[in-house]
Amino acid sequence: MISSVLLAIQATVPNTGAEFNFNRFLIITVSCILAVLIIPRVIRYPHVGPKMPLPFPSIFNNPSVGAFLAAMSTGHLVGIGAVLGLTNLGII
């Protein structure tokens, strides 16, 4: 049996389903690209270790694999936060 408290809460939760949405994809992609552009410039040692074979090394600051993974992780965290926030506000 479902508690009445859960039924009351269910009506106030926005739809954050797992279906594909191009707006969500675009937000996460842009946040990851911005993170790859910014994060290797602010990491203390971005060039320690094997280099990531990116197409434009001067634009991306020629980061190592570790710096690239850190930047992509940060981009996904920021992107997911933006998607959840915008979904909660009802914008997307």
Protein backbone atom coordinates (compact mmCIF):
# COMPACT_ATOMS: atom_id res chain seq x y z
CA MET A 1 0.00 0.00 0.00
CA ILE A 2 1.31 3.49 -0.89
CA SER A 3 1.47 6.05 1.87
CA SER A 4 -0.64 9.18 1.43
CA VAL A 5 2.44 11.32 2.10
CA LEU A 6 4.16 9.87 -0.97
CA LEU A 7 1.08 10.57 -3.08
CA ALA A 8 1.06 14.20 -1.91
CA ILE A 9 4.73 14.64 -2.77
CA GLN A 10 4.36 13.00 -6.18
CA ALA A 11 2.25 15.84 -7.56
CA THR A 12 4.92 18.46 -6.79
CA VAL A 13 7.90 16.65 -8.35
CA PRO A 14 8.69 17.86 -11.90
CA ASN A 15 8.97 15.38 -14.74
CA THR A 16 12.64 14.46 -14.93
CA GLY A 17 12.19 11.35 -17.00
CA ALA A 18 14.97 9.49 -18.75
CA GLU A 19 13.70 10.10 -22.28
CA PHE A 20 16.06 11.79 -24.75
CA ASN A 21 15.72 15.54 -25.00
CA PHE A 22 17.86 17.57 -27.40
CA ASN A 23 17.94 20.59 -25.05
CA ARG A 24 19.43 18.49 -22.25
CA PHE A 25 21.99 17.00 -24.63
CA LEU A 26 22.96 20.47 -25.87
CA ILE A 27 23.37 21.90 -22.36
CA ILE A 28 25.61 19.06 -21.19
CA THR A 29 27.65 19.15 -24.41
CA VAL A 30 28.25 22.92 -24.16
CA SER A 31 29.18 22.68 -20.48
CA CYS A 32 31.68 19.87 -21.24
CA ILE A 33 33.29 21.86 -24.06
CA LEU A 34 33.57 24.93 -21.85
CA ALA A 35 35.08 22.81 -19.07
CA VAL A 36 37.67 21.35 -21.47
CA LEU A 37 38.57 24.89 -22.54
CA ILE A 38 38.81 26.29 -18.98
CA ILE A 39 39.83 23.52 -16.57
CA PRO A 40 43.27 22.62 -18.08
CA ARG A 41 44.27 26.27 -17.70
CA VAL A 42 43.50 26.38 -13.97
CA ILE A 43 44.88 22.97 -12.92
CA ARG A 44 48.30 23.27 -11.32
CA TYR A 45 50.00 20.52 -13.38
CA PRO A 46 47.86 19.94 -16.51
CA HIS A 47 50.69 18.47 -18.59
CA VAL A 48 51.86 15.65 -16.30
CA GLY A 49 51.32 12.25 -17.90
CA PRO A 50 50.42 11.13 -21.42
CA LYS A 51 48.88 13.82 -23.61
CA MET A 52 45.31 13.63 -24.86
CA PRO A 53 45.24 13.57 -28.69
CA LEU A 54 42.82 16.48 -29.20
CA PRO A 55 42.35 18.05 -32.65
CA PHE A 56 43.45 21.60 -31.71
CA PRO A 57 46.09 21.30 -28.95
CA SER A 58 46.75 25.05 -28.71
CA ILE A 59 43.08 25.87 -28.12
CA PHE A 60 42.61 23.13 -25.53
CA ASN A 61 46.01 23.86 -23.84
CA ASN A 62 47.29 20.35 -24.79
CA PRO A 63 46.06 18.64 -21.56
CA SER A 64 47.10 15.27 -20.23
CA VAL A 65 44.64 12.39 -20.02
CA GLY A 66 44.08 13.08 -16.31
CA ALA A 67 43.35 16.76 -16.90
CA PHE A 68 40.98 15.87 -19.73
CA LEU A 69 39.09 13.38 -17.57
CA ALA A 70 38.88 15.93 -14.75
CA ALA A 71 37.54 18.56 -17.14
CA MET A 72 34.95 16.20 -18.62
CA SER A 73 33.82 15.12 -15.15
CA THR A 74 33.45 18.74 -14.09
CA GLY A 75 31.54 19.53 -17.29
CA HIS A 76 29.12 16.70 -16.68
CA LEU A 77 28.55 17.76 -13.07
CA VAL A 78 27.90 21.36 -14.08
CA GLY A 79 25.72 20.29 -17.02
CA ILE A 80 23.60 17.92 -14.95
CA GLY A 81 23.15 20.61 -12.31
CA ALA A 82 22.07 23.08 -14.99
CA VAL A 83 19.65 20.58 -16.55
CA LEU A 84 18.08 19.71 -13.21
CA GLY A 85 17.82 23.36 -12.22
CA LEU A 86 16.26 24.42 -15.51
CA THR A 87 13.88 21.47 -15.41
CA ASN A 88 12.84 22.36 -11.89
CA LEU A 89 12.18 25.95 -13.01
CA GLY A 90 10.11 24.65 -15.92
CA ILE A 91 12.32 26.20 -18.62
CA ILE A 92 13.13 22.92 -20.34
